[in-house]
Amino acid sequence: PLPVGAIWGVGRVTERRLKGLGLITVRDLRLAPLPLLIREFGRMGRRLHELSCGIDETPLGREAGSRSISNEVTYPFDLVDPEAIEAEVRRLARSVARRLRDSSLLCRTVRIKVRYPDFRTVTRQVRLGVGIDSEGLIETVAVYLLRERVALDEQGVRLIGVGAAHLSETTARQLPLFQ
């Protein structure tokens, strides 16, 4: 038999009170007189009784999805060439955009992550006014972040990442003219 504590919303205190009334199992709770439960627990008494009978009108929603989508690469060597670093940011940005579209998601934040050879890590991000999933736009924002907000010098980088956050599902929207 399932103990009353297995019911959603029944914590230690409520379980103790139910056991004090001789209600040890879910079956005991289901067979208990409803007026007794309402007298002892108020509106929660009715709810406990319904749950013990398998009645739950709570609407089911979609399971929470990913909070962000990102791709990153760690190199076994220091990547020093600024053009190679930018090319990698562009490649990662396009990959993130494809994953967004494949998941029917838009992002309102684009971020990049850079780890230097001394293992210092910096992240930079931009919050956008609208949701996007365009390869061109995500790539442009990621490259802007790299060029304008990250210090690249002769030490190079060890890790590069591009991510998308503040995700929402796509709805009817204008299709991009150029992709």
C-alpha atoms as a PDB file:
ATOM      1  CA  PRO A   1       0.000   0.000   0.000  1.00  0.00           C
ATOM      2  CA  LEU A   2       1.139   3.508  -0.876  1.00  0.00           C
ATOM      3  CA  PRO A   3       1.725   5.790   2.132  1.00  0.00           C
ATOM      4  CA  VAL A   4      -0.159   9.108   2.280  1.00  0.00           C
ATOM      5  CA  GLY A   5       3.182  10.910   2.053  1.00  0.00           C
ATOM      6  CA  ALA A   6       3.426   9.781  -1.582  1.00  0.00           C
ATOM      7  CA  ILE A   7       0.631  12.177  -2.576  1.00  0.00           C
ATOM      8  CA  TRP A   8       1.754  15.442  -4.129  1.00  0.00           C
ATOM      9  CA  GLY A   9       1.536  18.253  -1.598  1.00  0.00           C
ATOM     10  CA  VAL A  10       1.657  16.046   1.489  1.00  0.00           C
ATOM     11  CA  GLY A  11       4.708  17.072   3.461  1.00  0.00           C
ATOM     12  CA  ARG A  12       5.940  15.847   6.825  1.00  0.00           C
ATOM     13  CA  VAL A  13       3.509  17.959   8.871  1.00  0.00           C
ATOM     14  CA  THR A  14       0.423  16.988   6.863  1.00  0.00           C
ATOM     15  CA  GLU A  15       1.511  13.352   6.859  1.00  0.00           C
ATOM     16  CA  ARG A  16       1.828  13.452  10.655  1.00  0.00           C
ATOM     17  CA  ARG A  17      -1.649  14.999  10.974  1.00  0.00           C
ATOM     18  CA  LEU A  18      -3.149  12.372   8.654  1.00  0.00           C
ATOM     19  CA  LYS A  19      -1.484   9.562  10.599  1.00  0.00           C
ATOM     20  CA  GLY A  20      -2.882  11.101  13.793  1.00  0.00           C
ATOM     21  CA  LEU A  21      -6.328  10.546  12.282  1.00  0.00           C
ATOM     22  CA  GLY A  22      -5.455   6.926  11.510  1.00  0.00           C
ATOM     23  CA  LEU A  23      -4.988   7.632   7.797  1.00  0.00           C
ATOM     24  CA  ILE A  24      -1.771   5.796   6.962  1.00  0.00           C
ATOM     25  CA  THR A  25      -2.198   4.771   3.332  1.00  0.00           C
ATOM     26  CA  VAL A  26      -3.682   6.398   0.241  1.00  0.00           C
ATOM     27  CA  ARG A  27      -6.508   3.842   0.503  1.00  0.00           C
ATOM     28  CA  ASP A  28      -7.237   4.978   4.067  1.00  0.00           C
ATOM     29  CA  LEU A  29      -7.428   8.569   2.837  1.00  0.00           C
ATOM     30  CA  ARG A  30      -9.697   7.619  -0.070  1.00  0.00           C
ATOM     31  CA  LEU A  31     -12.126   5.846   2.302  1.00  0.00           C
ATOM     32  CA  ALA A  32     -12.101   8.634   4.918  1.00  0.00           C
ATOM     33  CA  PRO A  33     -15.322  10.675   5.257  1.00  0.00           C
ATOM     34  CA  LEU A  34     -15.009  13.877   3.224  1.00  0.00           C
ATOM     35  CA  PRO A  35     -16.587  16.040   5.989  1.00  0.00           C
ATOM     36  CA  LEU A  36     -13.834  14.873   8.385  1.00  0.00           C
ATOM     37  CA  LEU A  37     -11.104  15.846   5.927  1.00  0.00           C
ATOM     38  CA  ILE A  38     -12.689  19.245   5.269  1.00  0.00           C
ATOM     39  CA  ARG A  39     -13.079  19.891   9.009  1.00  0.00           C
ATOM     40  CA  GLU A  40      -9.431  19.004   9.691  1.00  0.00           C
ATOM     41  CA  PHE A  41      -7.764  20.487   6.594  1.00  0.00           C
ATOM     42  CA  GLY A  42     -10.226  22.954   5.062  1.00  0.00           C
ATOM     43  CA  ARG A  43     -10.140  23.176   1.268  1.00  0.00           C
ATOM     44  CA  MET A  44      -6.954  21.117   1.269  1.00  0.00           C
ATOM     45  CA  GLY A  45      -9.017  18.254   2.748  1.00  0.00           C
ATOM     46  CA  ARG A  46     -11.154  18.126  -0.395  1.00  0.00           C
ATOM     47  CA  ARG A  47      -8.021  18.293  -2.551  1.00  0.00           C
ATOM     48  CA  LEU A  48      -6.356  15.456  -0.612  1.00  0.00           C
ATOM     49  CA  HIS A  49      -9.466  13.334  -1.033  1.00  0.00           C
ATOM     50  CA  GLU A  50      -9.585  14.018  -4.789  1.00  0.00           C
ATOM     51  CA  LEU A  51      -5.904  13.180  -5.201  1.00  0.00           C
ATOM     52  CA  SER A  52      -6.341   9.951  -3.242  1.00  0.00           C
ATOM     53  CA  CYS A  53      -9.114   9.025  -5.707  1.00  0.00           C
ATOM     54  CA  GLY A  54      -6.900   9.821  -8.679  1.00  0.00           C
ATOM     55  CA  ILE A  55      -8.777  13.010  -9.547  1.00  0.00           C
ATOM     56  CA  ASP A  56      -6.561  15.875 -10.633  1.00  0.00           C
ATOM     57  CA  GLU A  57      -7.766  18.574 -12.995  1.00  0.00           C
ATOM     58  CA  THR A  58      -4.403  20.332 -13.144  1.00  0.00           C
ATOM     59  CA  PRO A  59      -3.704  21.100 -16.806  1.00  0.00           C
ATOM     60  CA  LEU A  60      -0.695  19.385 -18.222  1.00  0.00           C
ATOM     61  CA  GLY A  61       1.892  21.624 -19.791  1.00  0.00           C
ATOM     62  CA  ARG A  62       4.903  20.980 -21.874  1.00  0.00           C
ATOM     63  CA  GLU A  63       7.947  19.894 -20.020  1.00  0.00           C
ATOM     64  CA  ALA A  64      10.406  22.718 -19.559  1.00  0.00           C
ATOM     65  CA  GLY A  65      12.831  22.667 -22.424  1.00  0.00           C
ATOM     66  CA  SER A  66      16.380  23.820 -22.725  1.00  0.00           C
ATOM     67  CA  ARG A  67      17.182  27.194 -21.270  1.00  0.00           C
ATOM     68  CA  SER A  68      19.925  27.728 -23.798  1.00  0.00           C
ATOM     69  CA  ILE A  69      21.580  26.169 -26.803  1.00  0.00           C
ATOM     70  CA  SER A  70      25.302  26.414 -27.312  1.00  0.00           C
ATOM     71  CA  ASN A  71      28.276  24.890 -29.056  1.00  0.00           C
ATOM     72  CA  GLU A  72      31.859  25.206 -27.943  1.00  0.00           C
ATOM     73  CA  VAL A  73      35.219  23.785 -28.896  1.00  0.00           C
ATOM     74  CA  THR A  74      38.279  23.271 -26.708  1.00  0.00           C
ATOM     75  CA  TYR A  75      41.572  23.102 -28.560  1.00  0.00           C
ATOM     76  CA  PRO A  76      44.591  21.025 -27.519  1.00  0.00           C
ATOM     77  CA  PHE A  77      46.735  24.034 -28.494  1.00  0.00           C
ATOM     78  CA  ASP A  78      46.491  27.823 -28.312  1.00  0.00           C
ATOM     79  CA  LEU A  79      44.578  29.239 -31.266  1.00  0.00           C
ATOM     80  CA  VAL A  80      46.343  32.549 -31.966  1.00  0.00           C
ATOM     81  CA  ASP A  81      45.347  33.691 -35.474  1.00  0.00           C
ATOM     82  CA  PRO A  82      42.475  36.247 -35.173  1.00  0.00           C
ATOM     83  CA  GLU A  83      41.074  35.212 -38.564  1.00  0.00           C
ATOM     84  CA  ALA A  84      40.969  31.550 -37.518  1.00  0.00           C
ATOM     85  CA  ILE A  85      39.282  32.521 -34.234  1.00  0.00           C
ATOM     86  CA  GLU A  86      36.662  34.567 -36.089  1.00  0.00           C
ATOM     87  CA  ALA A  87      36.080  31.744 -38.586  1.00  0.00           C
ATOM     88  CA  GLU A  88      35.450  29.379 -35.681  1.00  0.00           C
ATOM     89  CA  VAL A  89      32.986  31.828 -34.087  1.00  0.00           C
ATOM     90  CA  ARG A  90      31.144  32.048 -37.407  1.00  0.00           C
ATOM     91  CA  ARG A  91      30.999  28.249 -37.746  1.00  0.00           C
ATOM     92  CA  LEU A  92      29.729  27.808 -34.184  1.00  0.00           C
ATOM     93  CA  ALA A  93      27.130  30.575 -34.634  1.00  0.00           C
ATOM     94  CA  ARG A  94      25.731  28.891 -37.756  1.00  0.00           C
ATOM     95  CA  SER A  95      25.551  25.588 -35.891  1.00  0.00           C
ATOM     96  CA  VAL A  96      23.640  27.192 -32.998  1.00  0.00           C
ATOM     97  CA  ALA A  97      21.211  28.810 -35.467  1.00  0.00           C
ATOM     98  CA  ARG A  98      20.558  25.450 -37.153  1.00  0.00           C
ATOM     99  CA  ARG A  99      19.874  23.835 -33.776  1.00  0.00           C
ATOM    100  CA  LEU A 100      17.438  26.641 -32.911  1.00  0.00           C
ATOM    101  CA  ARG A 101      15.539  26.156 -36.164  1.00  0.00           C
ATOM    102  CA  ASP A 102      15.556  22.370 -35.812  1.00  0.00           C
ATOM    103  CA  SER A 103      13.970  22.818 -32.373  1.00  0.00           C
ATOM    104  CA  SER A 104      11.539  25.519 -33.591  1.00  0.00           C
ATOM    105  CA  LEU A 105      13.038  28.031 -31.171  1.00  0.00           C
ATOM    106  CA  LEU A 106      13.988  31.689 -31.268  1.00  0.00           C
ATOM    107  CA  CYS A 107      16.603  33.320 -29.045  1.00  0.00           C
ATOM    108  CA  ARG A 108      16.704  36.820 -27.615  1.00  0.00           C
ATOM    109  CA  THR A 109      20.268  36.594 -26.304  1.00  0.00           C
ATOM    110  CA  VAL A 110      23.438  35.688 -28.178  1.00  0.00           C
ATOM    111  CA  ARG A 111      26.604  35.060 -26.192  1.00  0.00           C
ATOM    112  CA  ILE A 112      30.175  34.058 -26.807  1.00  0.00           C
ATOM    113  CA  LYS A 113      32.618  32.413 -24.457  1.00  0.00           C
ATOM    114  CA  VAL A 114      36.392  32.550 -24.698  1.00  0.00           C
ATOM    115  CA  ARG A 115      38.917  30.754 -22.506  1.00  0.00           C
ATOM    116  CA  TYR A 116      42.504  31.931 -22.612  1.00  0.00           C
ATOM    117  CA  PRO A 117      45.567  29.674 -22.234  1.00  0.00           C
ATOM    118  CA  ASP A 118      45.854  30.720 -18.555  1.00  0.00           C
ATOM    119  CA  PHE A 119      42.270  29.359 -18.149  1.00  0.00           C
ATOM    120  CA  ARG A 120      40.674  32.757 -17.541  1.00  0.00           C
ATOM    121  CA  THR A 121      37.217  32.579 -19.063  1.00  0.00           C
ATOM    122  CA  VAL A 122      35.154  35.507 -20.314  1.00  0.00           C
ATOM    123  CA  THR A 123      31.621  35.551 -21.628  1.00  0.00           C
ATOM    124  CA  ARG A 124      29.994  38.419 -23.453  1.00  0.00           C
ATOM    125  CA  GLN A 125      26.380  38.652 -24.515  1.00  0.00           C
ATOM    126  CA  VAL A 126      23.845  40.891 -26.199  1.00  0.00           C
ATOM    127  CA  ARG A 127      20.132  40.891 -25.413  1.00  0.00           C
ATOM    128  CA  LEU A 128      18.054  41.525 -28.522  1.00  0.00           C
ATOM    129  CA  GLY A 129      14.665  43.194 -28.818  1.00  0.00           C
ATOM    130  CA  VAL A 130      13.188  40.317 -30.807  1.00  0.00           C
ATOM    131  CA  GLY A 131      13.678  36.583 -31.062  1.00  0.00           C
ATOM    132  CA  ILE A 132      15.883  35.356 -33.901  1.00  0.00           C
ATOM    133  CA  ASP A 133      17.031  32.073 -35.411  1.00  0.00           C
ATOM    134  CA  SER A 134      18.742  33.395 -38.536  1.00  0.00           C
ATOM    135  CA  GLU A 135      22.249  32.107 -39.197  1.00  0.00           C
ATOM    136  CA  GLY A 136      23.251  35.487 -40.597  1.00  0.00           C
ATOM    137  CA  LEU A 137      21.991  37.477 -37.616  1.00  0.00           C
ATOM    138  CA  ILE A 138      23.381  35.160 -34.956  1.00  0.00           C
ATOM    139  CA  GLU A 139      26.709  35.050 -36.781  1.00  0.00           C
ATOM    140  CA  THR A 140      26.799  38.855 -37.072  1.00  0.00           C
ATOM    141  CA  VAL A 141      26.076  39.351 -33.374  1.00  0.00           C
ATOM    142  CA  ALA A 142      28.629  36.727 -32.316  1.00  0.00           C
ATOM    143  CA  VAL A 143      31.344  38.278 -34.501  1.00  0.00           C
ATOM    144  CA  TYR A 144      30.471  41.736 -33.137  1.00  0.00           C
ATOM    145  CA  LEU A 145      30.911  40.418 -29.593  1.00  0.00           C
ATOM    146  CA  LEU A 146      34.248  38.868 -30.504  1.00  0.00           C
ATOM    147  CA  ARG A 147      35.591  41.973 -32.255  1.00  0.00           C
ATOM    148  CA  GLU A 148      34.262  44.624 -29.893  1.00  0.00           C
ATOM    149  CA  ARG A 149      34.008  43.014 -26.473  1.00  0.00           C
ATOM    150  CA  VAL A 150      36.758  40.398 -26.239  1.00  0.00           C
ATOM    151  CA  ALA A 151      40.463  41.151 -25.931  1.00  0.00           C
ATOM    152  CA  LEU A 152      42.416  39.027 -28.370  1.00  0.00           C
ATOM    153  CA  ASP A 153      46.180  39.281 -28.185  1.00  0.00           C
ATOM    154  CA  GLU A 154      49.232  37.190 -28.964  1.00  0.00           C
ATOM    155  CA  GLN A 155      48.375  34.669 -26.234  1.00  0.00           C
ATOM    156  CA  GLY A 156      45.451  33.339 -28.262  1.00  0.00           C
ATOM    157  CA  VAL A 157      42.535  31.292 -26.967  1.00  0.00           C
ATOM    158  CA  ARG A 158      42.050  27.719 -25.838  1.00  0.00           C
ATOM    159  CA  LEU A 159      38.216  27.488 -26.009  1.00  0.00           C
ATOM    160  CA  ILE A 160      35.593  29.250 -28.109  1.00  0.00           C
ATOM    161  CA  GLY A 161      31.849  28.969 -27.620  1.00  0.00           C
ATOM    162  CA  VAL A 162      28.704  30.539 -29.048  1.00  0.00           C
ATOM    163  CA  GLY A 163      25.347  30.272 -27.325  1.00  0.00           C
ATOM    164  CA  ALA A 164      21.738  31.366 -27.566  1.00  0.00           C
ATOM    165  CA  ALA A 165      19.541  32.031 -24.535  1.00  0.00           C
ATOM    166  CA  HIS A 166      16.148  33.456 -23.564  1.00  0.00           C
ATOM    167  CA  LEU A 167      14.511  30.921 -25.850  1.00  0.00           C
ATOM    168  CA  SER A 168      10.906  30.899 -27.001  1.00  0.00           C
ATOM    169  CA  GLU A 169       8.951  28.744 -29.393  1.00  0.00           C
ATOM    170  CA  THR A 170       8.561  30.007 -32.919  1.00  0.00           C
ATOM    171  CA  THR A 171       5.152  31.237 -33.965  1.00  0.00           C
ATOM    172  CA  ALA A 172       3.990  32.726 -37.219  1.00  0.00           C
ATOM    173  CA  ARG A 173       6.746  35.072 -38.353  1.00  0.00           C
ATOM    174  CA  GLN A 174       8.134  36.578 -41.501  1.00  0.00           C
ATOM    175  CA  LEU A 175      10.585  34.320 -43.264  1.00  0.00           C
ATOM    176  CA  PRO A 176      14.045  35.760 -43.897  1.00  0.00           C
ATOM    177  CA  LEU A 177      14.632  37.008 -47.404  1.00  0.00           C
ATOM    178  CA  PHE A 178      18.275  35.900 -47.368  1.00  0.00           C
ATOM    179  CA  GLN A 179      19.473  33.003 -45.246  1.00  0.00           C
END
